[in-house]
């Protein structure tokens, strides 16, 4: 397993450079800050987190999923009409009319269709 460590150096009178060191890391056991259970932070997860410059997780997968579900369930939804197909839909932001500088709102199906075409 390879572990990437990135740091910046500023040399004397030279340009800034990014360097990467590669280490071998073993699985780590981490205690979840919410439930107190121990979970494995695998070598592959460590490599992913390092390449994205993320700090190690503090919660197990179940607690992370529960927090994510809680965030999404408490979002206020707003009624809108799809600018493409005219269907009624709900969006997680308050849509503004185009006349007031807002952008056209798309329902999930039209949004995904346009996203796939791009």
PDB file of N, CA and C in Angstrom:
ATOM      1  N   UNK A   1       0.848  -1.173   0.000  1.00  0.00           N
ATOM      2  CA  UNK A   1       0.000   0.000   0.000  1.00  0.00           C
ATOM      3  C   UNK A   1       0.882   1.221   0.000  1.00  0.00           C
ATOM      4  N   UNK A   2       0.485   2.204  -0.719  1.00  0.00           N
ATOM      5  CA  UNK A   2       1.246   3.441  -0.794  1.00  0.00           C
ATOM      6  C   UNK A   2       0.464   4.543  -0.089  1.00  0.00           C
ATOM      7  N   UNK A   3       1.156   5.361   0.652  1.00  0.00           N
ATOM      8  CA  UNK A   3       0.542   6.495   1.317  1.00  0.00           C
ATOM      9  C   UNK A   3       1.231   7.737   0.791  1.00  0.00           C
ATOM     10  N   UNK A   4       0.458   8.675   0.286  1.00  0.00           N
ATOM     11  CA  UNK A   4       1.029   9.886  -0.272  1.00  0.00           C
ATOM     12  C   UNK A   4       1.061  10.975   0.782  1.00  0.00           C
ATOM     13  N   UNK A   5       2.189  11.599   0.944  1.00  0.00           N
ATOM     14  CA  UNK A   5       2.322  12.734   1.836  1.00  0.00           C
ATOM     15  C   UNK A   5       2.777  13.899   0.987  1.00  0.00           C
ATOM     16  N   UNK A   6       2.034  14.977   1.024  1.00  0.00           N
ATOM     17  CA  UNK A   6       2.344  16.127   0.193  1.00  0.00           C
ATOM     18  C   UNK A   6       2.779  17.282   1.081  1.00  0.00           C
ATOM     19  N   UNK A   7       3.812  17.964   0.687  1.00  0.00           N
ATOM     20  CA  UNK A   7       4.172  19.181   1.373  1.00  0.00           C
ATOM     21  C   UNK A   7       4.752  20.151   0.373  1.00  0.00           C
ATOM     22  N   UNK A   8       4.669  21.437   0.704  1.00  0.00           N
ATOM     23  CA  UNK A   8       5.211  22.473  -0.167  1.00  0.00           C
ATOM     24  C   UNK A   8       6.532  22.945   0.405  1.00  0.00           C
ATOM     25  N   UNK A   9       7.482  23.188  -0.473  1.00  0.00           N
ATOM     26  CA  UNK A   9       8.748  23.760  -0.041  1.00  0.00           C
ATOM     27  C   UNK A   9       8.935  25.091  -0.738  1.00  0.00           C
ATOM     28  N   UNK A  10       9.556  25.980  -0.036  1.00  0.00           N
ATOM     29  CA  UNK A  10       9.902  27.265  -0.641  1.00  0.00           C
ATOM     30  C   UNK A  10      11.412  27.368  -0.553  1.00  0.00           C
ATOM     31  N   UNK A  11      12.063  27.183  -1.686  1.00  0.00           N
ATOM     32  CA  UNK A  11      13.517  27.196  -1.716  1.00  0.00           C
ATOM     33  C   UNK A  11      14.073  28.610  -1.708  1.00  0.00           C
ATOM     34  N   UNK A  12      15.358  28.716  -1.372  1.00  0.00           N
ATOM     35  CA  UNK A  12      16.013  30.019  -1.374  1.00  0.00           C
ATOM     36  C   UNK A  12      16.107  30.551  -2.791  1.00  0.00           C
ATOM     37  N   UNK A  13      15.370  31.600  -3.072  1.00  0.00           N
ATOM     38  CA  UNK A  13      15.443  32.224  -4.383  1.00  0.00           C
ATOM     39  C   UNK A  13      14.961  31.347  -5.516  1.00  0.00           C
ATOM     40  N   UNK A  14      14.289  30.232  -5.199  1.00  0.00           N
ATOM     41  CA  UNK A  14      13.777  29.357  -6.247  1.00  0.00           C
ATOM     42  C   UNK A  14      12.257  29.377  -6.200  1.00  0.00           C
ATOM     43  N   UNK A  15      11.652  28.636  -7.068  1.00  0.00           N
ATOM     44  CA  UNK A  15      10.196  28.617  -7.147  1.00  0.00           C
ATOM     45  C   UNK A  15       9.596  27.679  -6.096  1.00  0.00           C
ATOM     46  N   UNK A  16       8.301  27.840  -5.830  1.00  0.00           N
ATOM     47  CA  UNK A  16       7.582  26.928  -4.937  1.00  0.00           C
ATOM     48  C   UNK A  16       7.394  25.607  -5.650  1.00  0.00           C
ATOM     49  N   UNK A  17       7.554  24.504  -4.922  1.00  0.00           N
ATOM     50  CA  UNK A  17       7.404  23.182  -5.522  1.00  0.00           C
ATOM     51  C   UNK A  17       6.542  22.305  -4.641  1.00  0.00           C
ATOM     52  N   UNK A  18       5.831  21.372  -5.224  1.00  0.00           N
ATOM     53  CA  UNK A  18       5.077  20.367  -4.487  1.00  0.00           C
ATOM     54  C   UNK A  18       5.843  19.055  -4.584  1.00  0.00           C
ATOM     55  N   UNK A  19       6.022  18.387  -3.442  1.00  0.00           N
ATOM     56  CA  UNK A  19       6.697  17.111  -3.416  1.00  0.00           C
ATOM     57  C   UNK A  19       5.782  16.080  -2.795  1.00  0.00           C
ATOM     58  N   UNK A  20       5.899  14.849  -3.219  1.00  0.00           N
ATOM     59  CA  UNK A  20       5.113  13.755  -2.676  1.00  0.00           C
ATOM     60  C   UNK A  20       6.058  12.677  -2.169  1.00  0.00           C
ATOM     61  N   UNK A  21       5.833  12.210  -0.949  1.00  0.00           N
ATOM     62  CA  UNK A  21       6.547  11.060  -0.420  1.00  0.00           C
ATOM     63  C   UNK A  21       5.575   9.899  -0.405  1.00  0.00           C
ATOM     64  N   UNK A  22       6.061   8.724  -0.676  1.00  0.00           N
ATOM     65  CA  UNK A  22       5.202   7.543  -0.673  1.00  0.00           C
ATOM     66  C   UNK A  22       5.643   6.629   0.468  1.00  0.00           C
ATOM     67  N   UNK A  23       4.719   6.337   1.386  1.00  0.00           N
ATOM     68  CA  UNK A  23       4.972   5.466   2.524  1.00  0.00           C
ATOM     69  C   UNK A  23       4.056   4.270   2.444  1.00  0.00           C
ATOM     70  N   UNK A  24       4.414   3.236   3.128  1.00  0.00           N
ATOM     71  CA  UNK A  24       3.541   2.084   3.261  1.00  0.00           C
ATOM     72  C   UNK A  24       2.810   2.203   4.593  1.00  0.00           C
ATOM     73  N   UNK A  25       1.465   2.100   4.573  1.00  0.00           N
ATOM     74  CA  UNK A  25       0.666   2.250   5.779  1.00  0.00           C
ATOM     75  C   UNK A  25      -0.172   0.994   5.995  1.00  0.00           C
ATOM     76  N   UNK A  26      -0.354   0.650   7.257  1.00  0.00           N
ATOM     77  CA  UNK A  26      -1.209  -0.477   7.620  1.00  0.00           C
ATOM     78  C   UNK A  26      -2.595   0.052   7.961  1.00  0.00           C
ATOM     79  N   UNK A  27      -3.566  -0.857   8.022  1.00  0.00           N
ATOM     80  CA  UNK A  27      -4.910  -0.470   8.450  1.00  0.00           C
ATOM     81  C   UNK A  27      -4.834   0.148   9.843  1.00  0.00           C
ATOM     82  N   UNK A  28      -5.694   1.128  10.090  1.00  0.00           N
ATOM     83  CA  UNK A  28      -5.766   1.773  11.402  1.00  0.00           C
ATOM     84  C   UNK A  28      -7.130   1.511  12.011  1.00  0.00           C
ATOM     85  N   UNK A  29      -7.167   1.313  13.318  1.00  0.00           N
ATOM     86  CA  UNK A  29      -8.425   1.221  14.043  1.00  0.00           C
ATOM     87  C   UNK A  29      -8.713   2.588  14.640  1.00  0.00           C
ATOM     88  N   UNK A  30      -9.898   3.124  14.346  1.00  0.00           N
ATOM     89  CA  UNK A  30     -10.314   4.434  14.829  1.00  0.00           C
ATOM     90  C   UNK A  30     -11.590   4.248  15.639  1.00  0.00           C
ATOM     91  N   UNK A  31     -11.712   4.996  16.734  1.00  0.00           N
ATOM     92  CA  UNK A  31     -12.917   4.956  17.557  1.00  0.00           C
ATOM     93  C   UNK A  31     -13.867   6.053  17.080  1.00  0.00           C
ATOM     94  N   UNK A  32     -15.092   5.674  16.769  1.00  0.00           N
ATOM     95  CA  UNK A  32     -16.103   6.612  16.290  1.00  0.00           C
ATOM     96  C   UNK A  32     -16.443   7.609  17.395  1.00  0.00           C
ATOM     97  N   UNK A  33     -16.477   8.895  17.055  1.00  0.00           N
ATOM     98  CA  UNK A  33     -16.757   9.922  18.059  1.00  0.00           C
ATOM     99  C   UNK A  33     -18.222   9.956  18.454  1.00  0.00           C
ATOM    100  N   UNK A  34     -19.115   9.356  17.667  1.00  0.00           N
ATOM    101  CA  UNK A  34     -20.544   9.359  18.000  1.00  0.00           C
ATOM    102  C   UNK A  34     -20.958   8.122  18.790  1.00  0.00           C
ATOM    103  N   UNK A  35     -20.665   6.933  18.253  1.00  0.00           N
ATOM    104  CA  UNK A  35     -21.150   5.697  18.888  1.00  0.00           C
ATOM    105  C   UNK A  35     -20.099   5.000  19.746  1.00  0.00           C
ATOM    106  N   UNK A  36     -18.826   5.380  19.591  1.00  0.00           N
ATOM    107  CA  UNK A  36     -17.768   4.777  20.394  1.00  0.00           C
ATOM    108  C   UNK A  36     -17.267   3.441  19.884  1.00  0.00           C
ATOM    109  N   UNK A  37     -17.840   2.922  18.799  1.00  0.00           N
ATOM    110  CA  UNK A  37     -17.381   1.660  18.224  1.00  0.00           C
ATOM    111  C   UNK A  37     -16.093   1.880  17.442  1.00  0.00           C
ATOM    112  N   UNK A  38     -15.291   0.838  17.375  1.00  0.00           N
ATOM    113  CA  UNK A  38     -14.053   0.889  16.622  1.00  0.00           C
ATOM    114  C   UNK A  38     -14.338   0.487  15.176  1.00  0.00           C
ATOM    115  N   UNK A  39     -13.692   1.183  14.235  1.00  0.00           N
ATOM    116  CA  UNK A  39     -13.839   0.819  12.819  1.00  0.00           C
ATOM    117  C   UNK A  39     -12.479   0.897  12.136  1.00  0.00           C
ATOM    118  N   UNK A  40     -12.344   0.129  11.058  1.00  0.00           N
ATOM    119  CA  UNK A  40     -11.073   0.060  10.329  1.00  0.00           C
ATOM    120  C   UNK A  40     -10.989   1.178   9.302  1.00  0.00           C
ATOM    121  N   UNK A  41      -9.865   1.856   9.299  1.00  0.00           N
ATOM    122  CA  UNK A  41      -9.523   2.848   8.274  1.00  0.00           C
ATOM    123  C   UNK A  41      -8.483   2.155   7.404  1.00  0.00           C
ATOM    124  N   UNK A  42      -8.961   1.555   6.299  1.00  0.00           N
ATOM    125  CA  UNK A  42      -8.121   0.661   5.501  1.00  0.00           C
ATOM    126  C   UNK A  42      -7.022   1.407   4.748  1.00  0.00           C
ATOM    127  N   UNK A  43      -6.062   0.655   4.257  1.00  0.00           N
ATOM    128  CA  UNK A  43      -4.980   1.242   3.471  1.00  0.00           C
ATOM    129  C   UNK A  43      -5.517   1.985   2.255  1.00  0.00           C
ATOM    130  N   UNK A  44      -6.492   1.374   1.575  1.00  0.00           N
ATOM    131  CA  UNK A  44      -7.080   2.007   0.400  1.00  0.00           C
ATOM    132  C   UNK A  44      -7.786   3.306   0.741  1.00  0.00           C
ATOM    133  N   UNK A  45      -8.518   3.311   1.860  1.00  0.00           N
ATOM    134  CA  UNK A  45      -9.190   4.542   2.301  1.00  0.00           C
ATOM    135  C   UNK A  45      -8.159   5.609   2.673  1.00  0.00           C
ATOM    136  N   UNK A  46      -7.069   5.199   3.318  1.00  0.00           N
ATOM    137  CA  UNK A  46      -6.023   6.149   3.684  1.00  0.00           C
ATOM    138  C   UNK A  46      -5.416   6.796   2.444  1.00  0.00           C
ATOM    139  N   UNK A  47      -5.192   5.992   1.419  1.00  0.00           N
ATOM    140  CA  UNK A  47      -4.621   6.524   0.176  1.00  0.00           C
ATOM    141  C   UNK A  47      -5.591   7.508  -0.472  1.00  0.00           C
ATOM    142  N   UNK A  48      -6.878   7.147  -0.514  1.00  0.00           N
ATOM    143  CA  UNK A  48      -7.889   8.041  -1.086  1.00  0.00           C
ATOM    144  C   UNK A  48      -7.928   9.362  -0.328  1.00  0.00           C
ATOM    145  N   UNK A  49      -8.001   9.292   1.004  1.00  0.00           N
ATOM    146  CA  UNK A  49      -8.061  10.510   1.821  1.00  0.00           C
ATOM    147  C   UNK A  49      -6.817  11.360   1.608  1.00  0.00           C
ATOM    148  N   UNK A  50      -5.647  10.724   1.493  1.00  0.00           N
ATOM    149  CA  UNK A  50      -4.399  11.462   1.305  1.00  0.00           C
ATOM    150  C   UNK A  50      -4.368  12.164  -0.048  1.00  0.00           C
ATOM    151  N   UNK A  51      -4.818  11.496  -1.100  1.00  0.00           N
ATOM    152  CA  UNK A  51      -4.791  12.130  -2.424  1.00  0.00           C
ATOM    153  C   UNK A  51      -5.775  13.292  -2.512  1.00  0.00           C
ATOM    154  N   UNK A  52      -6.843  13.250  -1.722  1.00  0.00           N
ATOM    155  CA  UNK A  52      -7.824  14.342  -1.700  1.00  0.00           C
ATOM    156  C   UNK A  52      -7.498  15.374  -0.626  1.00  0.00           C
ATOM    157  N   UNK A  53      -6.382  15.156   0.100  1.00  0.00           N
ATOM    158  CA  UNK A  53      -5.940  16.033   1.182  1.00  0.00           C
ATOM    159  C   UNK A  53      -7.013  16.191   2.260  1.00  0.00           C
ATOM    160  N   UNK A  54      -7.645  15.061   2.625  1.00  0.00           N
ATOM    161  CA  UNK A  54      -8.671  15.033   3.666  1.00  0.00           C
ATOM    162  C   UNK A  54      -8.077  14.500   4.960  1.00  0.00           C
ATOM    163  N   UNK A  55      -8.612  14.947   6.078  1.00  0.00           N
ATOM    164  CA  UNK A  55      -8.195  14.375   7.358  1.00  0.00           C
ATOM    165  C   UNK A  55      -8.921  13.050   7.554  1.00  0.00           C
ATOM    166  N   UNK A  56      -8.379  12.166   8.387  1.00  0.00           N
ATOM    167  CA  UNK A  56      -9.014  10.851   8.600  1.00  0.00           C
ATOM    168  C   UNK A  56     -10.438  11.004   9.144  1.00  0.00           C
ATOM    169  N   UNK A  57     -11.312  10.034   8.870  1.00  0.00           N
ATOM    170  CA  UNK A  57     -12.686  10.120   9.368  1.00  0.00           C
ATOM    171  C   UNK A  57     -12.724  10.014  10.883  1.00  0.00           C
ATOM    172  N   UNK A  58     -13.712  10.659  11.477  1.00  0.00           N
ATOM    173  CA  UNK A  58     -13.883  10.601  12.926  1.00  0.00           C
ATOM    174  C   UNK A  58     -15.106   9.779  13.307  1.00  0.00           C
ATOM    175  N   UNK A  59     -15.905   9.411  12.294  1.00  0.00           N
ATOM    176  CA  UNK A  59     -17.126   8.638  12.536  1.00  0.00           C
ATOM    177  C   UNK A  59     -17.119   7.394  11.661  1.00  0.00           C
ATOM    178  N   UNK A  60     -17.754   6.328  12.169  1.00  0.00           N
ATOM    179  CA  UNK A  60     -17.882   5.095  11.388  1.00  0.00           C
ATOM    180  C   UNK A  60     -18.855   5.341  10.231  1.00  0.00           C
ATOM    181  N   UNK A  61     -18.894   4.405   9.292  1.00  0.00           N
ATOM    182  CA  UNK A  61     -19.738   4.572   8.104  1.00  0.00           C
ATOM    183  C   UNK A  61     -21.217   4.714   8.459  1.00  0.00           C
ATOM    184  N   UNK A  62     -21.682   3.934   9.449  1.00  0.00           N
ATOM    185  CA  UNK A  62     -23.090   4.029   9.850  1.00  0.00           C
ATOM    186  C   UNK A  62     -23.420   5.401  10.419  1.00  0.00           C
ATOM    187  N   UNK A  63     -22.561   5.942  11.267  1.00  0.00           N
ATOM    188  CA  UNK A  63     -22.809   7.261  11.859  1.00  0.00           C
ATOM    189  C   UNK A  63     -22.694   8.367  10.815  1.00  0.00           C
ATOM    190  N   UNK A  64     -21.756   8.224   9.861  1.00  0.00           N
ATOM    191  CA  UNK A  64     -21.660   9.217   8.773  1.00  0.00           C
ATOM    192  C   UNK A  64     -22.920   9.199   7.934  1.00  0.00           C
ATOM    193  N   UNK A  65     -23.429   8.002   7.627  1.00  0.00           N
ATOM    194  CA  UNK A  65     -24.658   7.885   6.827  1.00  0.00           C
ATOM    195  C   UNK A  65     -25.850   8.478   7.581  1.00  0.00           C
ATOM    196  N   UNK A  66     -25.914   8.248   8.897  1.00  0.00           N
ATOM    197  CA  UNK A  66     -27.010   8.788   9.698  1.00  0.00           C
ATOM    198  C   UNK A  66     -26.969  10.316   9.720  1.00  0.00           C
ATOM    199  N   UNK A  67     -25.777  10.903   9.871  1.00  0.00           N
ATOM    200  CA  UNK A  67     -25.652  12.369   9.863  1.00  0.00           C
ATOM    201  C   UNK A  67     -26.034  12.943   8.503  1.00  0.00           C
ATOM    202  N   UNK A  68     -25.631  12.272   7.432  1.00  0.00           N
ATOM    203  CA  UNK A  68     -25.967  12.742   6.086  1.00  0.00           C
ATOM    204  C   UNK A  68     -27.474  12.691   5.876  1.00  0.00           C
ATOM    205  N   UNK A  69     -28.113  11.593   6.284  1.00  0.00           N
ATOM    206  CA  UNK A  69     -29.567  11.464   6.137  1.00  0.00           C
ATOM    207  C   UNK A  69     -30.285  12.541   6.952  1.00  0.00           C
ATOM    208  N   UNK A  70     -29.759  12.849   8.143  1.00  0.00           N
ATOM    209  CA  UNK A  70     -30.356  13.876   8.991  1.00  0.00           C
ATOM    210  C   UNK A  70     -30.279  15.250   8.330  1.00  0.00           C
ATOM    211  N   UNK A  71     -29.130  15.555   7.710  1.00  0.00           N
ATOM    212  CA  UNK A  71     -28.975  16.843   7.021  1.00  0.00           C
ATOM    213  C   UNK A  71     -29.969  16.977   5.880  1.00  0.00           C
ATOM    214  N   UNK A  72     -30.126  15.903   5.100  1.00  0.00           N
ATOM    215  CA  UNK A  72     -31.017  15.979   3.945  1.00  0.00           C
ATOM    216  C   UNK A  72     -32.484  15.953   4.339  1.00  0.00           C
ATOM    217  N   UNK A  73     -32.836  15.291   5.425  1.00  0.00           N
ATOM    218  CA  UNK A  73     -34.238  15.228   5.824  1.00  0.00           C
ATOM    219  C   UNK A  73     -34.717  16.551   6.397  1.00  0.00           C
ATOM    220  N   UNK A  74     -33.801  17.345   6.935  1.00  0.00           N
ATOM    221  CA  UNK A  74     -34.203  18.603   7.535  1.00  0.00           C
ATOM    222  C   UNK A  74     -34.150  19.783   6.568  1.00  0.00           C
ATOM    223  N   UNK A  75     -33.808  19.533   5.312  1.00  0.00           N
ATOM    224  CA  UNK A  75     -33.758  20.615   4.335  1.00  0.00           C
ATOM    225  C   UNK A  75     -35.162  21.092   3.986  1.00  0.00           C
ATOM    226  N   UNK A  76     -35.313  22.385   3.909  1.00  0.00           N
ATOM    227  CA  UNK A  76     -36.594  22.957   3.503  1.00  0.00           C
ATOM    228  C   UNK A  76     -36.690  22.892   1.981  1.00  0.00           C
ATOM    229  N   UNK A  77     -37.784  22.342   1.493  1.00  0.00           N
ATOM    230  CA  UNK A  77     -37.993  22.230   0.050  1.00  0.00           C
ATOM    231  C   UNK A  77     -38.984  23.306  -0.395  1.00  0.00           C
ATOM    232  N   UNK A  78     -38.817  23.780  -1.627  1.00  0.00           N
ATOM    233  CA  UNK A  78     -39.660  24.839  -2.176  1.00  0.00           C
ATOM    234  C   UNK A  78     -40.315  24.352  -3.464  1.00  0.00           C
ATOM    235  N   UNK A  79     -41.574  24.738  -3.641  1.00  0.00           N
ATOM    236  CA  UNK A  79     -42.320  24.355  -4.842  1.00  0.00           C
ATOM    237  C   UNK A  79     -41.795  25.139  -6.051  1.00  0.00           C
ATOM    238  N   UNK A  80     -41.752  24.477  -7.193  1.00  0.00           N
ATOM    239  CA  UNK A  80     -41.301  25.107  -8.429  1.00  0.00           C
ATOM    240  C   UNK A  80     -41.965  24.409  -9.607  1.00  0.00           C
ATOM    241  N   UNK A  81     -41.833  25.022 -10.767  1.00  0.00           N
ATOM    242  CA  UNK A  81     -42.338  24.440 -12.010  1.00  0.00           C
ATOM    243  C   UNK A  81     -41.151  24.292 -12.954  1.00  0.00           C
ATOM    244  N   UNK A  82     -40.982  23.101 -13.514  1.00  0.00           N
ATOM    245  CA  UNK A  82     -39.862  22.825 -14.416  1.00  0.00           C
ATOM    246  C   UNK A  82     -39.965  23.715 -15.656  1.00  0.00           C
ATOM    247  N   UNK A  83     -38.876  24.388 -15.983  1.00  0.00           N
ATOM    248  CA  UNK A  83     -38.848  25.282 -17.139  1.00  0.00           C
ATOM    249  C   UNK A  83     -38.839  24.514 -18.450  1.00  0.00           C
ATOM    250  N   UNK A  84     -38.508  23.225 -18.414  1.00  0.00           N
ATOM    251  CA  UNK A  84     -38.418  22.444 -19.641  1.00  0.00           C
ATOM    252  C   UNK A  84     -39.709  21.684 -19.939  1.00  0.00           C
ATOM    253  N   UNK A  85     -40.228  20.940 -18.945  1.00  0.00           N
ATOM    254  CA  UNK A  85     -41.403  20.104 -19.215  1.00  0.00           C
ATOM    255  C   UNK A  85     -42.681  20.630 -18.549  1.00  0.00           C
ATOM    256  N   UNK A  86     -42.559  21.620 -17.667  1.00  0.00           N
ATOM    257  CA  UNK A  86     -43.735  22.205 -17.025  1.00  0.00           C
ATOM    258  C   UNK A  86     -44.265  21.426 -15.833  1.00  0.00           C
ATOM    259  N   UNK A  87     -43.575  20.374 -15.415  1.00  0.00           N
ATOM    260  CA  UNK A  87     -44.035  19.558 -14.288  1.00  0.00           C
ATOM    261  C   UNK A  87     -43.797  20.291 -12.967  1.00  0.00           C
ATOM    262  N   UNK A  88     -44.683  20.040 -11.999  1.00  0.00           N
ATOM    263  CA  UNK A  88     -44.476  20.562 -10.650  1.00  0.00           C
ATOM    264  C   UNK A  88     -43.346  19.765 -10.002  1.00  0.00           C
ATOM    265  N   UNK A  89     -42.483  20.460  -9.260  1.00  0.00           N
ATOM    266  CA  UNK A  89     -41.371  19.798  -8.586  1.00  0.00           C
ATOM    267  C   UNK A  89     -41.026  20.563  -7.326  1.00  0.00           C
ATOM    268  N   UNK A  90     -40.146  19.987  -6.527  1.00  0.00           N
ATOM    269  CA  UNK A  90     -39.630  20.639  -5.336  1.00  0.00           C
ATOM    270  C   UNK A  90     -38.117  20.722  -5.438  1.00  0.00           C
ATOM    271  N   UNK A  91     -37.575  21.858  -4.991  1.00  0.00           N
ATOM    272  CA  UNK A  91     -36.134  22.077  -5.038  1.00  0.00           C
ATOM    273  C   UNK A  91     -35.652  22.550  -3.665  1.00  0.00           C
ATOM    274  N   UNK A  92     -34.371  22.293  -3.319  1.00  0.00           N
ATOM    275  CA  UNK A  92     -33.860  22.665  -1.999  1.00  0.00           C
ATOM    276  C   UNK A  92     -33.417  24.125  -1.888  1.00  0.00           C
ATOM    277  N   UNK A  93     -33.858  24.976  -2.786  1.00  0.00           N
ATOM    278  CA  UNK A  93     -33.550  26.402  -2.737  1.00  0.00           C
ATOM    279  C   UNK A  93     -34.797  27.174  -3.142  1.00  0.00           C
ATOM    280  N   UNK A  94     -34.858  28.435  -2.764  1.00  0.00           N
ATOM    281  CA  UNK A  94     -36.017  29.244  -3.118  1.00  0.00           C
ATOM    282  C   UNK A  94     -35.788  29.813  -4.515  1.00  0.00           C
ATOM    283  N   UNK A  95     -36.556  29.334  -5.497  1.00  0.00           N
ATOM    284  CA  UNK A  95     -36.334  29.805  -6.868  1.00  0.00           C
ATOM    285  C   UNK A  95     -36.764  31.265  -7.039  1.00  0.00           C
ATOM    286  N   UNK A  96     -35.972  31.995  -7.808  1.00  0.00           N
ATOM    287  CA  UNK A  96     -36.323  33.384  -8.141  1.00  0.00           C
ATOM    288  C   UNK A  96     -36.798  33.418  -9.578  1.00  0.00           C
ATOM    289  N   UNK A  97     -37.761  34.294  -9.874  1.00  0.00           N
ATOM    290  CA  UNK A  97     -38.209  34.432 -11.273  1.00  0.00           C
ATOM    291  C   UNK A  97     -37.048  34.885 -12.166  1.00  0.00           C
ATOM    292  N   UNK A  98     -37.083  34.469 -13.411  1.00  0.00           N
ATOM    293  CA  UNK A  98     -36.042  34.837 -14.370  1.00  0.00           C
ATOM    294  C   UNK A  98     -35.970  36.352 -14.504  1.00  0.00           C
ATOM    295  N   UNK A  99     -37.133  37.012 -14.400  1.00  0.00           N
ATOM    296  CA  UNK A  99     -37.177  38.478 -14.515  1.00  0.00           C
ATOM    297  C   UNK A  99     -36.380  39.155 -13.398  1.00  0.00           C
ATOM    298  N   UNK A 100     -36.209  38.475 -12.275  1.00  0.00           N
ATOM    299  CA  UNK A 100     -35.470  39.030 -11.144  1.00  0.00           C
ATOM    300  C   UNK A 100     -34.034  38.510 -11.092  1.00  0.00           C
ATOM    301  N   UNK A 101     -33.570  37.941 -12.171  1.00  0.00           N
ATOM    302  CA  UNK A 101     -32.195  37.457 -12.233  1.00  0.00           C
ATOM    303  C   UNK A 101     -32.032  35.990 -11.881  1.00  0.00           C
ATOM    304  N   UNK A 102     -33.136  35.295 -11.651  1.00  0.00           N
ATOM    305  CA  UNK A 102     -33.065  33.873 -11.341  1.00  0.00           C
ATOM    306  C   UNK A 102     -32.800  33.045 -12.582  1.00  0.00           C
ATOM    307  N   UNK A 103     -32.450  31.804 -12.369  1.00  0.00           N
ATOM    308  CA  UNK A 103     -32.198  30.890 -13.487  1.00  0.00           C
ATOM    309  C   UNK A 103     -33.363  29.923 -13.610  1.00  0.00           C
ATOM    310  N   UNK A 104     -33.574  29.354 -14.787  1.00  0.00           N
ATOM    311  CA  UNK A 104     -34.659  28.384 -14.958  1.00  0.00           C
ATOM    312  C   UNK A 104     -34.458  27.172 -14.056  1.00  0.00           C
ATOM    313  N   UNK A 105     -35.548  26.676 -13.486  1.00  0.00           N
ATOM    314  CA  UNK A 105     -35.513  25.519 -12.602  1.00  0.00           C
ATOM    315  C   UNK A 105     -35.921  24.294 -13.403  1.00  0.00           C
ATOM    316  N   UNK A 106     -35.196  23.192 -13.202  1.00  0.00           N
ATOM    317  CA  UNK A 106     -35.524  21.941 -13.881  1.00  0.00           C
ATOM    318  C   UNK A 106     -35.925  20.898 -12.853  1.00  0.00           C
ATOM    319  N   UNK A 107     -36.871  20.038 -13.221  1.00  0.00           N
ATOM    320  CA  UNK A 107     -37.215  18.904 -12.363  1.00  0.00           C
ATOM    321  C   UNK A 107     -36.039  17.917 -12.395  1.00  0.00           C
ATOM    322  N   UNK A 108     -36.062  16.944 -11.520  1.00  0.00           N
ATOM    323  CA  UNK A 108     -34.948  16.002 -11.423  1.00  0.00           C
ATOM    324  C   UNK A 108     -34.717  15.262 -12.740  1.00  0.00           C
ATOM    325  N   UNK A 109     -35.801  14.832 -13.393  1.00  0.00           N
ATOM    326  CA  UNK A 109     -35.660  14.076 -14.646  1.00  0.00           C
ATOM    327  C   UNK A 109     -35.027  14.931 -15.741  1.00  0.00           C
ATOM    328  N   UNK A 110     -35.488  16.178 -15.903  1.00  0.00           N
ATOM    329  CA  UNK A 110     -34.920  17.054 -16.936  1.00  0.00           C
ATOM    330  C   UNK A 110     -33.483  17.445 -16.596  1.00  0.00           C
ATOM    331  N   UNK A 111     -33.221  17.672 -15.314  1.00  0.00           N
ATOM    332  CA  UNK A 111     -31.864  18.014 -14.888  1.00  0.00           C
ATOM    333  C   UNK A 111     -30.904  16.874 -15.217  1.00  0.00           C
ATOM    334  N   UNK A 112     -31.311  15.655 -14.881  1.00  0.00           N
ATOM    335  CA  UNK A 112     -30.435  14.504 -15.144  1.00  0.00           C
ATOM    336  C   UNK A 112     -30.262  14.269 -16.643  1.00  0.00           C
ATOM    337  N   UNK A 113     -31.320  14.500 -17.419  1.00  0.00           N
ATOM    338  CA  UNK A 113     -31.218  14.341 -18.876  1.00  0.00           C
ATOM    339  C   UNK A 113     -30.230  15.358 -19.464  1.00  0.00           C
ATOM    340  N   UNK A 114     -30.307  16.599 -19.008  1.00  0.00           N
ATOM    341  CA  UNK A 114     -29.376  17.622 -19.498  1.00  0.00           C
ATOM    342  C   UNK A 114     -27.960  17.364 -19.018  1.00  0.00           C
ATOM    343  N   UNK A 115     -27.837  16.890 -17.801  1.00  0.00           N
ATOM    344  CA  UNK A 115     -26.521  16.590 -17.241  1.00  0.00           C
ATOM    345  C   UNK A 115     -25.862  15.459 -18.022  1.00  0.00           C
ATOM    346  N   UNK A 116     -26.644  14.459 -18.413  1.00  0.00           N
ATOM    347  CA  UNK A 116     -26.123  13.327 -19.174  1.00  0.00           C
ATOM    348  C   UNK A 116     -25.743  13.719 -20.591  1.00  0.00           C
ATOM    349  N   UNK A 117     -26.423  14.726 -21.151  1.00  0.00           N
ATOM    350  CA  UNK A 117     -26.143  15.163 -22.511  1.00  0.00           C
ATOM    351  C   UNK A 117     -24.886  16.009 -22.588  1.00  0.00           C
ATOM    352  N   UNK A 118     -24.464  16.578 -21.470  1.00  0.00           N
ATOM    353  CA  UNK A 118     -23.303  17.486 -21.460  1.00  0.00           C
ATOM    354  C   UNK A 118     -21.995  16.763 -21.532  1.00  0.00           C
TER     355      UNK A 118
END
